[in-house]
Amino acid sequence: MVSNQVVGARALAGWLSMCIALYGCAHQHAAQSPPAAAPTATAEPAVSANPAPDPMTATEAAAPGAPGTESASSTASSTETATPVANATAPMHYTVKRGDTLWGIASMYLKDPWLWPEVWIINPQVPNPHLIYPGDKLALAYGAGGRVEVRLEEAGVSRLDPRLRSDPLASAIPTIPYSAIAAFLSRPTIMTSDEIRHAPYVLAFRDMHQVAGNEIEVYVRNLQGAENSRFAVMHIATPLVDPDDGKVVGYEGIYTATALVKRPGEPAKAVLTDLARETLAGDRLMSSDNEVPLNFTPAAPSSDVHGRIIDVVGGTDLVGQFYVVAINRGKRHGLVPGNVLAVDQEGEVVRDLYAGGRSIANNMNGFNTQFVPHVKLPNERAGTLLVFKTYDRISYGLIVGASNIIHIGAPVRNP
């Protein structure tokens, strides 16, 4: 006969078993059920439903770490198969601000900003439809097949009222920030052979000086400049050589002073100001008003381009965002202002110590590695370059995105 204690213990054990079984079923059902929060994933971004005050321009929003710059770290891309993809945080509506750039807006909307021409829907009824002005209201939309589109939702006052500008391009936002290339425009530091050949040059110094310093008067030949016009005086230094064929494609120029024209003529007379170093006879003069159109549309090159960075404006070997560089590709290679190129970090060459079944132990026991095979690691994407001025065999570009350190000699290619 079973005691009451035994019966009670068995009943308690049965009750616990039933609870455990019920808990397991409930847990399994919860694991198989879709998350309750999933349906909200398709909700419109908060920026369009309830836009918060944002003092930043699109260019500031597209700075490193912001959406649109992550594509600079991708290792492979093809313009032939690329499809515009919107950034996850792209606003449904955006009003263009002063200080914006086209590259900044494109980077805010697209993972690959150079695909902007494919998503910008031009309204032929609006004056200057290709340009974007402060006050313009942009809208993100999706066309047939879910294709990304950015439309001009409402034109700003500066676009519609020509009285607000003396020139149609004056108030349009530039493609790249002017401040990033201002120093390059006023003091060009890379000169082509044609520029050197046709540039005015220092013929002699007044009072028979051999070198000129601050406030020294100089005589200049071939100078076509009015009184009080200014020119940058450049000393021709290191030749820039194309690593592909060993030919000189340009020369590094070193700024020495600013020449202020005192008396036009042949030769003209100028006085040196803003001295950086001594000026020598034969130094070339370059106009400080080096005009570079800043209103162009970013796009991949129409031809296959493979080149290298051959110089950095500023005389440094390391390159970062908003540095101006020179590359050994130009008009003859199909480049035009607005072309975008990927910048790669060269893959290192390493020794394969483990081929043929070799082990770490072999290598540690004095194994001769002299004849082991060498393997070149693949190049990795390090940044993005936007071309803004082209010559026959050389171009200037602005580094608009950098995810890693870039060196002189870095390969550039189609994005």
Protein backbone atom coordinates (compact mmCIF):
# COMPACT_ATOMS: atom_id res chain seq x y z
CA MET A 1 0.00 0.00 0.00
CA VAL A 2 1.39 3.36 -1.05
CA SER A 3 1.73 6.06 1.59
CA ASN A 4 0.13 9.47 1.26
CA GLN A 5 3.60 11.09 1.00
CA VAL A 6 4.44 8.99 -2.07
CA VAL A 7 1.14 9.81 -3.75
CA GLY A 8 1.66 13.53 -3.10
CA ALA A 9 5.17 13.45 -4.51
CA ARG A 10 3.96 11.72 -7.68
CA ALA A 11 1.19 14.28 -8.14
CA LEU A 12 3.59 17.17 -7.72
CA ALA A 13 6.01 15.66 -10.28
CA GLY A 14 3.16 15.22 -12.80
CA TRP A 15 2.07 18.82 -12.36
CA LEU A 16 5.62 20.09 -12.95
CA SER A 17 5.96 17.95 -16.10
CA MET A 18 2.74 19.39 -17.52
CA CYS A 19 3.94 22.99 -16.86
CA ILE A 20 7.25 22.35 -18.57
CA ALA A 21 5.49 20.87 -21.62
CA LEU A 22 3.09 23.81 -21.89
CA TYR A 23 5.96 26.33 -21.60
CA GLY A 24 7.90 24.50 -24.35
CA CYS A 25 4.94 24.62 -26.73
CA ALA A 26 4.39 28.29 -26.10
CA HIS A 27 8.10 29.05 -26.60
CA GLN A 28 8.18 27.09 -29.86
CA HIS A 29 5.07 28.89 -31.17
CA ALA A 30 6.61 32.28 -30.35
CA ALA A 31 9.84 31.37 -32.16
CA GLN A 32 7.92 30.34 -35.30
CA SER A 33 5.71 33.43 -35.35
CA PRO A 34 6.85 36.52 -37.34
CA PRO A 35 8.08 39.43 -35.22
CA ALA A 36 5.34 41.85 -34.35
CA ALA A 37 7.49 44.84 -35.38
CA ALA A 38 8.14 43.57 -38.91
CA PRO A 39 5.16 45.32 -40.60
CA THR A 40 6.52 48.71 -39.54
CA ALA A 41 9.66 48.20 -41.67
CA THR A 42 7.84 49.55 -44.72
CA ALA A 43 6.77 52.74 -43.00
CA GLU A 44 7.86 56.00 -44.59
CA PRO A 45 11.06 57.42 -43.08
CA ALA A 46 10.46 59.75 -40.18
CA VAL A 47 12.14 62.59 -42.01
CA SER A 48 9.22 62.85 -44.45
CA ALA A 49 6.41 62.36 -41.95
CA ASN A 50 7.68 64.79 -39.35
CA PRO A 51 10.82 66.58 -40.54
CA ALA A 52 12.98 67.84 -37.71
CA PRO A 53 14.91 71.09 -38.01
CA ASP A 54 18.24 70.36 -39.66
CA PRO A 55 20.69 73.24 -40.08
CA MET A 56 23.14 71.10 -42.06
CA THR A 57 23.46 71.41 -45.80
CA ALA A 58 23.39 68.29 -47.96
CA THR A 59 27.14 68.64 -48.46
CA GLU A 60 27.70 68.54 -44.69
CA ALA A 61 25.36 65.59 -44.37
CA ALA A 62 27.38 63.71 -46.99
CA ALA A 63 30.64 64.14 -45.08
CA PRO A 64 32.60 61.03 -43.98
CA GLY A 65 30.44 58.76 -41.86
CA ALA A 66 27.24 60.02 -43.41
CA PRO A 67 25.12 58.02 -45.87
CA GLY A 68 26.49 58.00 -49.38
CA THR A 69 30.14 57.89 -48.40
CA GLU A 70 30.11 54.20 -47.61
CA SER A 71 30.31 53.36 -51.31
CA ALA A 72 33.89 54.63 -51.31
CA SER A 73 34.94 51.49 -49.46
CA SER A 74 33.39 49.03 -51.90
CA THR A 75 35.88 46.92 -53.76
CA ALA A 76 34.07 46.38 -57.04
CA SER A 77 31.58 48.27 -59.12
CA SER A 78 30.66 48.37 -62.79
CA THR A 79 28.96 51.29 -64.49
CA GLU A 80 27.67 48.92 -67.15
CA THR A 81 25.52 46.98 -64.69
CA ALA A 82 25.12 49.53 -61.89
CA THR A 83 21.55 50.42 -60.95
CA PRO A 84 20.88 53.53 -58.85
CA VAL A 85 20.12 52.57 -55.26
CA ALA A 86 18.75 55.10 -52.78
CA ASN A 87 20.35 55.49 -49.37
CA ALA A 88 18.27 54.10 -46.54
CA THR A 89 18.17 57.53 -44.90
CA ALA A 90 17.50 59.53 -48.09
CA PRO A 91 14.85 62.18 -47.33
CA MET A 92 11.56 62.02 -49.20
CA HIS A 93 11.66 65.83 -49.51
CA TYR A 94 14.60 68.23 -49.35
CA THR A 95 14.91 71.99 -49.83
CA VAL A 96 18.21 73.04 -51.37
CA LYS A 97 20.25 75.40 -49.17
CA ARG A 98 23.05 77.82 -49.87
CA GLY A 99 26.30 75.95 -49.34
CA ASP A 100 24.93 72.77 -50.91
CA THR A 101 26.80 71.10 -53.76
CA LEU A 102 25.45 68.75 -56.39
CA TRP A 103 27.85 66.06 -55.18
CA GLY A 104 26.60 66.50 -51.62
CA ILE A 105 22.94 66.18 -52.67
CA ALA A 106 23.71 63.17 -54.88
CA SER A 107 25.61 61.53 -51.99
CA MET A 108 22.67 62.16 -49.67
CA TYR A 109 20.23 60.42 -52.02
CA LEU A 110 22.32 57.68 -53.68
CA LYS A 111 24.79 55.02 -52.61
CA ASP A 112 26.66 55.74 -55.87
CA PRO A 113 26.45 59.54 -56.36
CA TRP A 114 27.88 59.44 -59.91
CA LEU A 115 24.63 57.78 -61.06
CA TRP A 116 22.82 61.08 -60.42
CA PRO A 117 22.09 61.71 -64.16
CA GLU A 118 20.07 58.50 -64.21
CA VAL A 119 17.75 59.51 -61.36
CA TRP A 120 17.39 63.28 -61.93
CA ILE A 121 14.06 63.76 -63.71
CA ILE A 122 14.29 66.94 -65.76
CA ASN A 123 11.19 69.11 -66.02
CA PRO A 124 11.38 70.89 -69.40
CA GLN A 125 8.86 73.49 -68.23
CA VAL A 126 11.31 74.88 -65.64
CA PRO A 127 14.06 77.38 -66.62
CA ASN A 128 17.57 75.85 -66.50
CA PRO A 129 16.28 72.35 -65.65
CA HIS A 130 19.78 70.85 -65.49
CA LEU A 131 20.88 73.20 -62.70
CA ILE A 132 19.78 73.21 -59.07
CA TYR A 133 19.27 76.43 -57.12
CA PRO A 134 18.88 77.28 -53.42
CA GLY A 135 15.20 77.14 -52.54
CA ASP A 136 14.41 74.33 -54.98
CA LYS A 137 12.35 71.58 -53.36
CA LEU A 138 13.37 68.05 -54.36
CA ALA A 139 11.26 64.92 -53.95
CA LEU A 140 12.33 61.27 -53.87
CA ALA A 141 10.05 59.02 -55.89
CA TYR A 142 10.01 55.56 -57.46
CA GLY A 143 9.12 55.05 -61.10
CA ALA A 144 8.31 51.96 -63.13
CA GLY A 145 9.76 48.81 -61.65
CA GLY A 146 10.73 50.61 -58.45
CA ARG A 147 13.39 52.72 -60.19
CA VAL A 148 14.72 55.54 -58.02
CA GLU A 149 13.85 59.06 -59.19
CA VAL A 150 14.58 62.51 -57.80
CA ARG A 151 12.27 65.23 -59.08
CA LEU A 152 12.07 68.98 -58.85
CA GLU A 153 8.92 69.28 -56.77
CA GLU A 154 8.85 73.07 -56.61
CA ALA A 155 11.19 75.66 -58.11
CA GLY A 156 12.84 78.16 -55.77
CA VAL A 157 12.52 81.91 -56.11
CA SER A 158 16.12 82.37 -57.32
CA ARG A 159 15.40 80.04 -60.26
CA LEU A 160 12.19 81.79 -61.32
CA ASP A 161 13.16 85.42 -60.79
CA PRO A 162 16.06 86.42 -63.08
CA ARG A 163 16.33 89.77 -61.28
CA LEU A 164 17.97 87.97 -58.38
CA ARG A 165 21.04 87.09 -60.46
CA SER A 166 23.07 88.84 -63.14
CA ASP A 167 24.22 85.54 -64.67
CA PRO A 168 22.13 82.37 -65.13
CA LEU A 169 24.85 80.26 -63.48
CA ALA A 170 25.67 82.66 -60.66
CA SER A 171 23.27 81.32 -58.06
CA ALA A 172 23.13 77.68 -59.12
CA ILE A 173 24.79 75.34 -56.61
CA PRO A 174 28.22 74.10 -57.76
CA THR A 175 29.10 70.45 -58.26
CA ILE A 176 31.98 70.58 -55.75
CA PRO A 177 32.73 73.04 -52.93
CA TYR A 178 34.62 76.06 -54.23
CA SER A 179 36.54 76.37 -50.96
CA ALA A 180 38.15 72.96 -51.58
CA ILE A 181 39.87 74.12 -54.77
CA ALA A 182 40.20 77.87 -54.07
CA ALA A 183 43.90 77.60 -53.23
CA PHE A 184 44.51 75.60 -56.40
CA LEU A 185 42.72 78.20 -58.51
CA SER A 186 44.70 81.13 -57.09
CA ARG A 187 48.07 79.34 -56.94
CA PRO A 188 48.25 76.52 -59.51
CA THR A 189 51.04 74.13 -58.55
CA ILE A 190 51.05 71.82 -61.57
CA MET A 191 51.74 73.20 -65.03
CA THR A 192 51.68 71.55 -68.42
CA SER A 193 54.35 72.01 -71.07
CA ASP A 194 51.96 74.17 -73.12
CA GLU A 195 51.24 76.41 -70.15
CA ILE A 196 54.96 76.91 -69.52
CA ARG A 197 55.67 77.56 -73.19
CA HIS A 198 53.08 80.33 -73.52
CA ALA A 199 53.19 81.80 -70.02
CA PRO A 200 54.68 85.25 -69.32
CA TYR A 201 58.08 85.06 -67.60
CA VAL A 202 60.39 87.16 -65.47
CA LEU A 203 62.98 88.74 -67.77
CA ALA A 204 65.06 90.78 -65.34
CA PHE A 205 64.99 92.70 -62.05
CA ARG A 206 65.26 96.43 -61.60
CA ASP A 207 68.57 97.66 -60.12
CA MET A 208 70.33 94.53 -61.43
CA HIS A 209 69.21 92.20 -58.65
CA GLN A 210 69.96 88.52 -59.25
CA VAL A 211 67.00 87.32 -57.18
CA ALA A 212 63.93 89.23 -56.10
CA GLY A 213 62.28 89.57 -52.74
CA ASN A 214 59.29 91.46 -51.38
CA GLU A 215 58.52 94.86 -52.99
CA ILE A 216 61.19 94.33 -55.68
CA GLU A 217 60.24 95.47 -59.18
CA VAL A 218 60.60 93.03 -62.05
CA TYR A 219 60.29 93.20 -65.84
CA VAL A 220 58.05 90.61 -67.46
CA ARG A 221 57.75 89.55 -71.11
CA ASN A 222 54.56 88.43 -72.92
CA LEU A 223 52.37 89.74 -70.10
CA GLN A 224 48.88 90.66 -71.25
CA GLY A 225 47.53 92.31 -68.13
CA ALA A 226 46.02 95.66 -67.17
CA GLU A 227 47.44 97.89 -64.48
CA ASN A 228 46.87 96.52 -60.94
CA SER A 229 46.05 93.03 -62.22
CA ARG A 230 47.61 90.18 -60.25
CA PHE A 231 49.52 87.09 -61.32
CA ALA A 232 50.98 84.14 -59.39
CA VAL A 233 54.72 83.75 -59.96
CA MET A 234 55.68 80.08 -60.27
CA HIS A 235 59.11 78.45 -60.21
CA ILE A 236 59.25 75.40 -62.48
CA ALA A 237 60.47 72.43 -60.46
CA THR A 238 60.17 68.65 -60.70
CA PRO A 239 58.87 67.15 -63.97
CA LEU A 240 55.87 64.84 -63.63
CA VAL A 241 56.43 61.56 -65.43
CA ASP A 242 53.76 59.20 -66.67
CA PRO A 243 54.70 55.84 -65.08
CA ASP A 244 53.18 54.00 -68.03
CA ASP A 245 55.54 55.29 -70.74
CA GLY A 246 58.12 57.42 -68.91
CA LYS A 247 57.12 60.63 -70.74
CA VAL A 248 56.86 64.03 -69.04
CA VAL A 249 53.22 65.13 -68.86
CA GLY A 250 53.65 68.21 -66.66
CA TYR A 251 55.80 70.05 -64.17
CA GLU A 252 55.43 70.83 -60.50
CA GLY A 253 55.24 74.57 -59.94
CA ILE A 254 56.33 76.24 -56.70
CA TYR A 255 54.62 79.49 -55.80
CA THR A 256 57.15 82.28 -55.09
CA ALA A 257 55.17 85.55 -54.98
CA THR A 258 52.30 87.58 -56.39
CA ALA A 259 53.13 90.02 -59.18
CA LEU A 260 51.11 93.26 -59.20
CA VAL A 261 51.26 94.94 -62.61
CA LYS A 262 52.44 98.56 -62.29
CA ARG A 263 52.96 99.40 -65.98
CA PRO A 264 51.65 97.32 -68.90
CA GLY A 265 53.83 97.03 -71.97
CA GLU A 266 56.57 94.92 -73.54
CA PRO A 267 58.23 94.28 -71.26
CA ALA A 268 55.74 95.07 -68.50
CA LYS A 269 56.79 96.19 -65.04
CA ALA A 270 55.40 94.56 -61.89
CA VAL A 271 56.12 94.63 -58.18
CA LEU A 272 56.35 91.45 -56.10
CA THR A 273 54.14 91.06 -53.03
CA ASP A 274 52.99 88.23 -50.76
CA LEU A 275 56.44 86.66 -50.91
CA ALA A 276 56.78 82.92 -50.24
CA ARG A 277 60.38 82.43 -51.47
CA GLU A 278 62.87 84.18 -53.75
CA THR A 279 61.89 84.74 -57.38
CA LEU A 280 64.39 83.93 -60.13
CA ALA A 281 64.72 85.09 -63.72
CA GLY A 282 62.77 82.72 -65.96
CA ASP A 283 60.01 82.06 -63.40
CA ARG A 284 56.59 81.91 -65.04
CA LEU A 285 53.52 84.00 -64.29
CA MET A 286 50.07 82.42 -64.12
CA SER A 287 46.80 84.30 -63.90
CA SER A 288 45.30 84.24 -60.41
CA ASP A 289 41.90 84.08 -62.10
CA ASN A 290 42.25 80.48 -63.20
CA GLU A 291 38.72 79.87 -64.38
CA VAL A 292 37.35 76.39 -63.81
CA PRO A 293 33.64 75.75 -64.45
CA LEU A 294 32.09 74.35 -61.29
CA ASN A 295 28.67 73.55 -62.76
CA PHE A 296 28.92 70.11 -64.32
CA THR A 297 27.15 66.81 -63.80
CA PRO A 298 28.99 63.90 -62.13
CA ALA A 299 29.11 60.79 -64.29
CA ALA A 300 31.31 57.79 -64.96
CA PRO A 301 33.73 58.13 -67.92
CA SER A 302 32.35 57.12 -71.30
CA SER A 303 35.47 55.03 -71.96
CA ASP A 304 37.47 52.57 -69.87
CA VAL A 305 40.02 54.55 -67.85
CA HIS A 306 42.95 53.13 -65.88
CA GLY A 307 45.56 55.54 -64.55
CA ARG A 308 47.42 56.68 -61.44
CA ILE A 309 47.73 59.66 -59.14
CA ILE A 310 51.05 61.27 -60.07
CA ASP A 311 51.06 64.35 -57.83
CA VAL A 312 49.25 66.03 -54.95
CA VAL A 313 48.73 69.78 -54.83
CA GLY A 314 50.41 70.91 -51.64
CA GLY A 315 53.52 68.74 -51.87
CA THR A 316 52.41 65.89 -49.61
CA ASP A 317 52.52 62.16 -50.26
CA LEU A 318 49.41 61.28 -48.25
CA VAL A 319 45.99 62.16 -49.67
CA GLY A 320 42.68 62.68 -47.87
CA GLN A 321 39.23 64.06 -48.57
CA PHE A 322 39.13 67.38 -50.48
CA TYR A 323 42.76 67.13 -51.59
CA VAL A 324 43.47 68.18 -55.19
CA VAL A 325 45.50 65.62 -57.16
CA ALA A 326 46.85 65.19 -60.68
CA ILE A 327 46.37 61.95 -62.62
CA ASN A 328 48.09 60.70 -65.78
CA ARG A 329 44.90 60.59 -67.83
CA GLY A 330 43.24 63.41 -69.74
CA LYS A 331 41.25 64.41 -72.81
CA ARG A 332 42.93 61.89 -75.10
CA HIS A 333 41.71 59.15 -72.76
CA GLY A 334 38.11 60.41 -72.88
CA LEU A 335 38.03 62.31 -69.58
CA VAL A 336 35.89 65.45 -69.20
CA PRO A 337 35.09 67.63 -66.17
CA GLY A 338 32.55 65.84 -63.99
CA ASN A 339 33.90 62.34 -64.57
CA VAL A 340 34.12 60.23 -61.42
CA LEU A 341 36.88 57.69 -60.82
CA ALA A 342 37.43 55.11 -58.11
CA VAL A 343 40.75 55.32 -56.24
CA ASP A 344 42.27 52.03 -55.13
CA GLN A 345 44.81 51.05 -52.53
CA GLU A 346 47.44 48.88 -54.22
CA GLY A 347 47.41 45.27 -53.05
CA GLU A 348 50.66 44.09 -51.45
CA VAL A 349 52.76 41.20 -52.76
CA VAL A 350 53.17 38.42 -50.19
CA ARG A 351 54.98 35.06 -50.15
CA ASP A 352 52.82 31.94 -50.11
CA LEU A 353 54.53 29.92 -47.36
CA TYR A 354 51.88 27.25 -47.22
CA ALA A 355 51.55 26.02 -50.82
CA GLY A 356 52.08 22.34 -51.49
CA GLY A 357 51.17 21.28 -47.98
CA ARG A 358 53.94 23.19 -46.22
CA SER A 359 53.12 23.80 -42.59
CA ILE A 360 53.91 26.48 -40.07
CA ALA A 361 56.32 24.05 -38.39
CA ASN A 362 58.39 23.83 -41.61
CA ASN A 363 58.67 27.59 -41.76
CA MET A 364 59.75 27.82 -38.13
CA ASN A 365 62.46 25.18 -38.58
CA GLY A 366 64.61 27.21 -40.94
CA PHE A 367 62.72 26.41 -44.16
CA ASN A 368 64.23 28.41 -47.06
CA THR A 369 61.56 30.86 -48.24
CA GLN A 370 63.65 32.39 -51.02
CA PHE A 371 62.01 30.39 -53.79
CA VAL A 372 58.43 30.25 -52.55
CA PRO A 373 55.82 31.71 -54.96
CA HIS A 374 54.74 35.35 -54.64
CA VAL A 375 51.07 36.32 -54.69
CA LYS A 376 49.74 39.85 -55.29
CA LEU A 377 46.76 40.67 -53.11
CA PRO A 378 43.82 42.38 -54.84
CA ASN A 379 43.47 46.16 -54.87
CA GLU A 380 40.97 47.58 -52.38
CA ARG A 381 38.74 50.62 -52.90
CA ALA A 382 40.13 53.58 -50.94
CA GLY A 383 38.24 56.60 -52.22
CA THR A 384 36.48 58.51 -54.96
CA LEU A 385 37.88 61.23 -57.24
CA LEU A 386 35.94 63.81 -59.25
CA VAL A 387 37.71 65.34 -62.25
CA PHE A 388 37.26 69.12 -62.60
CA LYS A 389 39.92 70.19 -65.14
CA THR A 390 41.43 68.25 -68.04
CA TYR A 391 44.38 68.63 -70.40
CA ASP A 392 45.63 66.33 -73.14
CA ARG A 393 47.45 63.80 -70.93
CA ILE A 394 46.80 65.06 -67.42
CA SER A 395 43.79 66.00 -65.30
CA TYR A 396 43.11 67.61 -61.94
CA GLY A 397 40.68 65.93 -59.61
CA LEU A 398 39.23 66.46 -56.15
CA ILE A 399 39.12 63.57 -53.67
CA VAL A 400 35.42 63.71 -52.69
CA GLY A 401 35.50 60.60 -50.51
CA ALA A 402 38.24 58.63 -48.76
CA SER A 403 37.75 55.51 -46.66
CA ASN A 404 41.49 54.81 -46.34
CA ILE A 405 44.83 56.56 -46.74
CA ILE A 406 45.67 57.30 -50.38
CA HIS A 407 49.25 57.64 -51.66
CA ILE A 408 50.85 59.05 -54.78
CA GLY A 409 50.86 56.24 -57.32
CA ALA A 410 47.43 54.96 -56.26
CA PRO A 411 45.51 53.42 -59.18
CA VAL A 412 42.38 55.18 -60.49
CA ARG A 413 39.70 53.51 -62.62
CA ASN A 414 36.06 53.61 -63.62
CA PRO A 415 33.86 53.40 -60.51
